[in-house]
Protein backbone atom coordinates (compact mmCIF):
# COMPACT_ATOMS: atom_id res chain seq x y z
CA UNK A 1 74.36 103.01 156.17
CA UNK A 2 76.00 99.57 155.70
CA UNK A 3 75.27 97.55 152.58
CA UNK A 4 75.90 93.82 152.65
CA UNK A 5 76.27 91.76 149.51
CA UNK A 6 76.66 88.02 149.09
CA UNK A 7 79.58 87.18 146.87
CA UNK A 8 81.16 83.97 145.73
CA UNK A 9 84.91 83.74 145.17
CA UNK A 10 84.29 81.80 141.98
CA UNK A 11 82.17 83.60 139.43
CA UNK A 12 83.48 81.91 136.29
CA UNK A 13 80.26 79.86 135.82
CA UNK A 14 77.98 82.93 135.88
CA UNK A 15 77.30 84.93 132.70
CA UNK A 16 80.05 87.51 132.00
CA UNK A 17 79.61 91.27 131.92
CA UNK A 18 79.74 93.14 128.60
CA UNK A 19 81.38 96.53 128.03
CA UNK A 20 80.92 98.26 124.70
CA UNK A 21 83.10 101.27 123.92
CA UNK A 22 81.92 104.21 121.80
CA UNK A 23 84.97 106.47 121.13
CA UNK A 24 83.26 109.51 119.65
CA UNK A 25 82.84 112.88 121.33
CA UNK A 26 81.58 116.31 120.27
CA UNK A 27 84.43 117.97 122.17
CA UNK A 28 87.38 116.88 124.30
CA UNK A 29 87.19 117.89 127.96
CA UNK A 30 90.38 119.39 129.28
CA UNK A 31 90.89 116.58 131.84
CA UNK A 32 89.87 113.61 129.67
CA UNK A 33 92.37 110.77 129.08
CA UNK A 34 89.84 108.27 127.76
CA UNK A 35 90.14 106.72 124.32
CA UNK A 36 87.85 109.27 122.61
CA UNK A 37 88.03 111.46 119.52
CA UNK A 38 86.27 114.52 118.15
CA UNK A 39 87.28 114.26 114.46
CA UNK A 40 86.19 110.72 113.45
CA UNK A 41 82.41 111.14 113.11
CA UNK A 42 82.60 110.09 109.45
CA UNK A 43 83.53 106.52 110.45
CA UNK A 44 80.73 105.95 112.94
CA UNK A 45 78.83 103.45 110.75
CA UNK A 46 81.94 101.49 109.89
CA UNK A 47 82.97 101.46 113.52
CA UNK A 48 79.63 100.06 114.64
CA UNK A 49 79.93 97.32 112.00
CA UNK A 50 83.41 96.45 113.29
CA UNK A 51 82.19 96.49 116.89
CA UNK A 52 79.38 94.09 116.04
CA UNK A 53 81.80 91.83 114.27
CA UNK A 54 83.93 91.63 117.40
CA UNK A 55 80.82 91.11 119.55
CA UNK A 56 79.71 88.20 117.45
CA UNK A 57 83.24 86.72 117.60
CA UNK A 58 83.39 87.01 121.42
CA UNK A 59 79.93 85.42 121.85
CA UNK A 60 80.97 82.49 119.66
CA UNK A 61 84.45 82.16 121.20
CA UNK A 62 83.13 81.81 124.73
CA UNK A 63 79.76 80.23 123.79
CA UNK A 64 77.91 82.96 125.57
CA UNK A 65 74.11 82.73 125.69
CA UNK A 66 73.58 85.75 127.88
CA UNK A 67 75.36 88.64 129.56
CA UNK A 68 74.81 89.36 133.21
CA UNK A 69 74.99 93.16 132.63
CA UNK A 70 75.79 95.46 129.77
CA UNK A 71 77.51 98.86 129.92
CA UNK A 72 77.79 101.14 126.87
CA UNK A 73 80.39 103.79 127.59
CA UNK A 74 82.90 106.04 125.93
CA UNK A 75 83.61 108.53 124.68
CA UNK A 76 80.00 109.65 124.34
CA UNK A 77 77.46 107.01 123.29
CA UNK A 78 74.83 109.76 122.91
CA UNK A 79 76.78 110.99 119.85
CA UNK A 80 75.51 107.87 118.06
CA UNK A 81 72.13 108.15 116.35
CA UNK A 82 69.29 105.91 117.50
CA UNK A 83 69.53 104.13 114.15
CA UNK A 84 73.11 102.98 114.85
CA UNK A 85 72.38 102.18 118.48
CA UNK A 86 69.42 100.06 117.42
CA UNK A 87 71.83 97.88 115.45
CA UNK A 88 73.94 97.45 118.57
CA UNK A 89 71.02 96.54 120.84
CA UNK A 90 69.76 94.04 118.29
CA UNK A 91 72.99 92.05 118.59
CA UNK A 92 73.06 91.94 122.44
CA UNK A 93 71.49 88.72 123.72
CA UNK A 94 68.26 89.37 125.65
CA UNK A 95 68.10 88.85 129.39
CA UNK A 96 70.75 91.08 130.92
CA UNK A 97 69.67 92.25 134.38
CA UNK A 98 71.01 95.76 133.76
CA UNK A 99 71.88 97.74 130.64
CA UNK A 100 73.55 101.10 131.30
CA UNK A 101 74.20 103.74 128.65
CA UNK A 102 76.41 106.80 129.20
CA UNK A 103 75.32 110.14 127.79
CA UNK A 104 76.28 113.82 127.85
CA UNK A 105 73.64 116.45 128.66
CA UNK A 106 74.09 118.34 125.42
CA UNK A 107 73.30 115.27 123.25
CA UNK A 108 70.87 113.32 125.48
CA UNK A 109 67.69 114.75 124.01
CA UNK A 110 64.25 113.62 125.06
CA UNK A 111 63.80 111.77 121.77
CA UNK A 112 67.21 110.05 122.02
CA UNK A 113 66.56 108.96 125.59
CA UNK A 114 63.12 107.60 124.65
CA UNK A 115 64.58 105.59 121.79
CA UNK A 116 67.33 103.90 123.81
CA UNK A 117 64.86 103.04 126.53
CA UNK A 118 62.66 101.40 123.94
CA UNK A 119 65.71 99.47 122.67
CA UNK A 120 66.19 97.98 126.15
CA UNK A 121 68.38 100.32 128.19
CA UNK A 122 67.45 100.18 131.91
CA UNK A 123 69.91 102.66 133.35
CA UNK A 124 71.29 106.01 132.20
CA UNK A 125 74.51 107.66 133.39
CA UNK A 126 74.79 111.37 132.68
CA UNK A 127 78.15 113.19 132.64
CA UNK A 128 76.97 116.32 134.42
CA UNK A 129 80.26 117.08 136.32
CA UNK A 130 78.81 120.35 137.71
CA UNK A 131 75.80 122.65 137.54
CA UNK A 132 78.05 125.73 137.87
CA UNK A 133 78.56 127.62 134.61
CA UNK A 134 82.09 128.80 135.42
CA UNK A 135 83.20 125.33 136.53
CA UNK A 136 81.82 123.76 133.35
CA UNK A 137 83.94 126.22 131.27
CA UNK A 138 86.91 125.53 133.52
CA UNK A 139 86.59 121.76 132.80
CA UNK A 140 86.02 122.23 129.06
CA UNK A 141 82.49 120.87 129.14
CA UNK A 142 80.29 121.72 126.18
CA UNK A 143 77.00 121.76 127.99
CA UNK A 144 75.29 124.30 130.21
CA UNK A 145 73.58 124.12 133.63
CA UNK A 146 70.26 124.22 131.76
CA UNK A 147 71.30 121.26 129.55
CA UNK A 148 72.28 119.22 132.62
CA UNK A 149 68.98 119.83 134.39
CA UNK A 150 66.97 119.18 131.26
CA UNK A 151 68.71 115.88 130.51
CA UNK A 152 68.00 114.56 134.02
CA UNK A 153 64.40 115.66 133.79
CA UNK A 154 64.07 114.07 130.35
CA UNK A 155 65.55 110.76 131.54
CA UNK A 156 62.93 110.63 134.24
CA UNK A 157 60.17 111.72 131.89
CA UNK A 158 60.74 108.87 129.45
CA UNK A 159 60.63 106.37 132.29
CA UNK A 160 64.20 105.66 133.47
CA UNK A 161 64.08 104.64 137.14
CA UNK A 162 67.82 104.15 137.52
CA UNK A 163 69.67 107.37 136.77
CA UNK A 164 73.28 108.27 137.65
CA UNK A 165 74.93 111.65 137.48
CA UNK A 166 78.68 112.28 137.64
CA UNK A 167 80.19 115.21 139.60
CA UNK A 168 83.83 116.30 139.71
CA UNK A 169 85.53 117.78 142.83
CA UNK A 170 89.02 118.95 143.84
CA UNK A 171 89.24 121.60 141.11
CA UNK A 172 91.12 124.84 141.69
CA UNK A 173 87.88 126.83 141.66
CA UNK A 174 85.93 124.62 144.06
CA UNK A 175 84.58 126.07 147.30
CA UNK A 176 82.24 124.67 149.96
CA UNK A 177 79.54 127.01 148.58
CA UNK A 178 80.01 125.85 144.94
CA UNK A 179 79.95 122.18 145.93
CA UNK A 180 76.91 122.71 148.15
CA UNK A 181 75.02 124.39 145.29
CA UNK A 182 75.84 121.48 143.03
CA UNK A 183 74.49 119.03 145.59
CA UNK A 184 71.40 121.07 146.23
CA UNK A 185 70.46 120.98 142.53
CA UNK A 186 71.44 117.32 142.17
CA UNK A 187 69.25 116.32 145.15
CA UNK A 188 66.30 118.22 143.73
CA UNK A 189 66.31 116.12 140.51
CA UNK A 190 65.21 112.59 139.78
CA UNK A 191 68.21 110.27 140.23
CA UNK A 192 69.13 107.41 142.57
CA UNK A 193 72.92 107.23 142.10
CA UNK A 194 75.81 109.66 142.14
CA UNK A 195 79.46 109.19 141.14
CA UNK A 196 81.97 111.65 142.62
CA UNK A 197 85.36 111.89 140.90
CA UNK A 198 88.39 113.83 142.08
CA UNK A 199 89.95 115.83 139.25
CA UNK A 200 93.16 114.01 138.33
CA UNK A 201 95.75 115.52 135.98
CA UNK A 202 96.61 112.83 133.41
CA UNK A 203 99.16 112.58 130.61
CA UNK A 204 97.97 113.34 127.08
CA UNK A 205 95.19 115.67 128.24
CA UNK A 206 94.82 119.41 127.81
CA UNK A 207 95.39 119.82 131.54
CA UNK A 208 98.66 117.78 131.39
CA UNK A 209 100.89 120.86 131.84
CA UNK A 210 98.56 122.59 134.31
CA UNK A 211 98.83 120.68 137.58
CA UNK A 212 97.53 123.70 139.45
CA UNK A 213 94.05 123.04 137.99
CA UNK A 214 93.64 120.25 140.52
CA UNK A 215 93.74 121.20 144.24
CA UNK A 216 93.11 118.55 146.89
CA UNK A 217 91.03 119.88 149.78
CA UNK A 218 90.42 117.17 152.33
CA UNK A 219 87.94 119.26 154.34
CA UNK A 220 85.81 119.92 151.24
CA UNK A 221 86.01 116.25 150.23
CA UNK A 222 84.96 115.08 153.70
CA UNK A 223 82.03 117.51 153.73
CA UNK A 224 81.03 116.54 150.18
CA UNK A 225 81.07 112.80 150.96
CA UNK A 226 79.19 113.28 154.23
CA UNK A 227 76.39 115.25 152.52
CA UNK A 228 75.98 112.74 149.76
CA UNK A 229 76.11 109.84 152.22
CA UNK A 230 73.23 111.35 154.13
CA UNK A 231 71.04 110.85 151.02
CA UNK A 232 72.69 107.87 149.34
CA UNK A 233 74.74 105.05 150.98
CA UNK A 234 78.34 104.89 149.76
CA UNK A 235 79.22 101.47 148.32
CA UNK A 236 82.49 102.23 146.58
CA UNK A 237 85.16 104.90 146.79
CA UNK A 238 83.39 107.07 144.13
CA UNK A 239 79.87 105.70 144.11
CA UNK A 240 76.75 106.33 146.13
CA UNK A 241 73.16 105.15 145.84
CA UNK A 242 71.52 102.10 144.29
CA UNK A 243 74.49 99.92 143.37
CA UNK A 244 75.30 99.40 139.71
CA UNK A 245 75.30 95.62 139.16
CA UNK A 246 77.82 96.08 136.35
CA UNK A 247 80.33 97.91 138.53
CA UNK A 248 79.82 95.43 141.38
CA UNK A 249 80.75 92.66 138.88
CA UNK A 250 84.09 94.41 138.18
CA UNK A 251 84.85 94.77 141.87
CA UNK A 252 83.97 91.12 142.53
CA UNK A 253 86.54 90.08 139.82
CA UNK A 254 83.89 88.60 137.49
CA UNK A 255 84.65 87.86 133.86
CA UNK A 256 83.88 90.70 131.41
CA UNK A 257 84.04 91.02 127.66
CA UNK A 258 85.39 94.33 126.29
CA UNK A 259 84.15 95.22 122.78
CA UNK A 260 85.38 98.23 120.88
CA UNK A 261 88.61 100.18 120.34
CA UNK A 262 90.68 99.93 123.56
CA UNK A 263 87.93 98.13 125.46
CA UNK A 264 89.74 95.85 127.91
CA UNK A 265 88.41 92.39 128.60
CA UNK A 266 89.06 89.87 131.39
CA UNK A 267 88.54 86.10 131.46
CA UNK A 268 89.71 83.89 134.38
CA UNK A 269 93.44 84.78 134.48
CA UNK A 270 93.81 86.72 131.24
CA UNK A 271 93.32 90.35 130.24
CA UNK A 272 92.72 91.33 126.63
CA UNK A 273 93.43 94.59 124.87
CA UNK A 274 91.89 95.36 121.48
CA UNK A 275 93.41 97.91 119.12
CA UNK A 276 93.06 101.46 120.53
CA UNK A 277 93.42 103.30 117.21
CA UNK A 278 89.89 103.58 115.85
CA UNK A 279 90.77 103.22 112.17
CA UNK A 280 93.05 100.29 112.78
CA UNK A 281 90.35 98.74 114.97
CA UNK A 282 87.85 99.07 112.12
CA UNK A 283 90.28 97.20 109.82
CA UNK A 284 90.87 94.43 112.35
CA UNK A 285 88.38 94.33 115.27
CA UNK A 286 89.44 90.79 116.18
CA UNK A 287 93.04 91.71 117.16
CA UNK A 288 93.68 91.31 120.85
CA UNK A 289 96.86 91.66 122.86
CA UNK A 290 96.83 89.14 125.68
CA UNK A 291 98.24 89.50 129.19
CA UNK A 292 98.46 86.48 131.52
CA UNK A 293 97.96 87.36 135.17
CA UNK A 294 99.78 85.49 137.92
CA UNK A 295 98.05 84.24 141.07
CA UNK A 296 99.70 87.10 142.91
CA UNK A 297 98.34 89.62 140.37
CA UNK A 298 94.83 88.23 140.74
CA UNK A 299 95.00 88.20 144.53
CA UNK A 300 96.31 91.81 144.67
CA UNK A 301 93.43 92.91 142.41
CA UNK A 302 90.89 91.21 144.67
CA UNK A 303 92.30 93.04 147.68
CA UNK A 304 92.50 96.39 145.93
CA UNK A 305 88.98 96.16 144.45
CA UNK A 306 87.48 94.63 147.57
CA UNK A 307 88.81 97.26 149.92
CA UNK A 308 87.68 100.16 147.73
CA UNK A 309 84.09 98.88 147.77
CA UNK A 310 81.46 97.11 149.89
CA UNK A 311 82.51 93.83 148.25
CA UNK A 312 85.18 93.32 150.89
CA UNK A 313 87.84 90.61 150.96
CA UNK A 314 87.47 86.99 151.95
CA UNK A 315 89.81 85.76 154.67
CA UNK A 316 90.17 82.55 152.65
CA UNK A 317 92.49 84.22 150.13
CA UNK A 318 94.80 85.65 152.79
CA UNK A 319 97.89 83.97 154.22
CA UNK A 320 98.22 83.58 158.00
CA UNK A 321 100.49 86.63 158.13
CA UNK A 322 98.10 88.66 155.99
CA UNK A 323 95.15 87.63 158.15
CA UNK A 324 97.12 88.70 161.26
CA UNK A 325 97.67 92.14 159.72
CA UNK A 326 93.99 92.36 158.71
CA UNK A 327 92.92 91.45 162.25
CA UNK A 328 95.14 94.19 163.58
CA UNK A 329 93.41 96.70 161.32
CA UNK A 330 90.10 95.43 162.66
CA UNK A 331 91.31 96.11 166.21
CA UNK A 332 92.26 99.65 165.07
CA UNK A 333 88.75 100.13 163.62
CA UNK A 334 90.14 100.56 160.13
CA UNK A 335 88.51 97.30 158.94
CA UNK A 336 85.35 95.45 159.95
CA UNK A 337 85.13 91.65 159.94
CA UNK A 338 81.86 89.88 159.30
CA UNK A 339 81.04 86.34 158.11
CA UNK A 340 84.58 85.61 157.09
CA UNK A 341 85.09 88.84 155.10
CA UNK A 342 86.98 92.04 155.84
CA UNK A 343 85.34 95.35 154.97
CA UNK A 344 87.08 98.69 154.70
CA UNK A 345 85.52 101.42 156.81
CA UNK A 346 87.08 104.32 154.83
CA UNK A 347 87.26 103.75 151.08
CA UNK A 348 89.56 106.76 150.68
CA UNK A 349 92.21 104.66 152.41
CA UNK A 350 91.76 101.66 150.13
CA UNK A 351 95.33 101.79 148.67
CA UNK A 352 96.90 102.19 152.06
CA UNK A 353 94.91 99.30 153.54
CA UNK A 354 95.89 96.97 150.71
CA UNK A 355 99.54 97.86 151.00
CA UNK A 356 99.50 97.32 154.78
CA UNK A 357 98.26 93.74 154.31
CA UNK A 358 100.21 92.40 151.30
């Protein structure tokens, strides 16, 4: 199924996106390289106060009256109590078209899900990763198959219509049978979006010295993607189903405000990096390291993001030589051209396509 979106090359005048980072976790998954911590639960209240101080500063700095979308990620936002999350929601200007909150199955209780929906959340993203007990242990997840199923059922029960679940593939213990069982269970539950992530071995993770934990199996990947695509249209290299407006904003190079320790922000031609260390962030939430992006940097990002998603790339930003290369890829049925935009027909080749053009 082909999805078509209408995008403008200039999105500066539209409301920015907002990302809020919650760095707390109950346990650290073996593959996780995100800015998250399991030993800092005693500073949660102080952290939220610092986060809200930065949010107020950013709103004033850019004279923001509204955010297009909001995404609360981590870490694990469901480790925060409803009382603390209520403080956060109270400071977010009303009117966002989508508010997503990430959660883990072991901490996304029926009561917690009901509370955040009442606060204004419209979309929930659950870090399921697998419904297989052995695979969950292999990945270092601290929830069970039962927890995963219950959290999805609870999200539906409290009234969430937009529900995402994450699954991981390319692990050393994957088989077609295991992946098929995961999909069978996932398809039987109430959700309208799936994110599929290949296990990647990153530095500073518990898997760092165990590269054998990740095994690329192109046949399994192809089968997995085909099965999911039969139920949900693929609109980005890792995403299937009803498109997340927030993610589409990233891929369309829209402005976004990053609030929280290590939450990156982007405005026009600048990228901002707040303090990653949680305790130092609490002491100075307004610190930001600034990176100025060149026109070449911005153009490369538009190509890279556009070709890995249904956003596509406008021919207007390409040179004559780049357009010639893109047209050749169209003739080879690697790209599709429609209404002045080039669309990638195989998102798994996004990097290669970009490098063939620039």
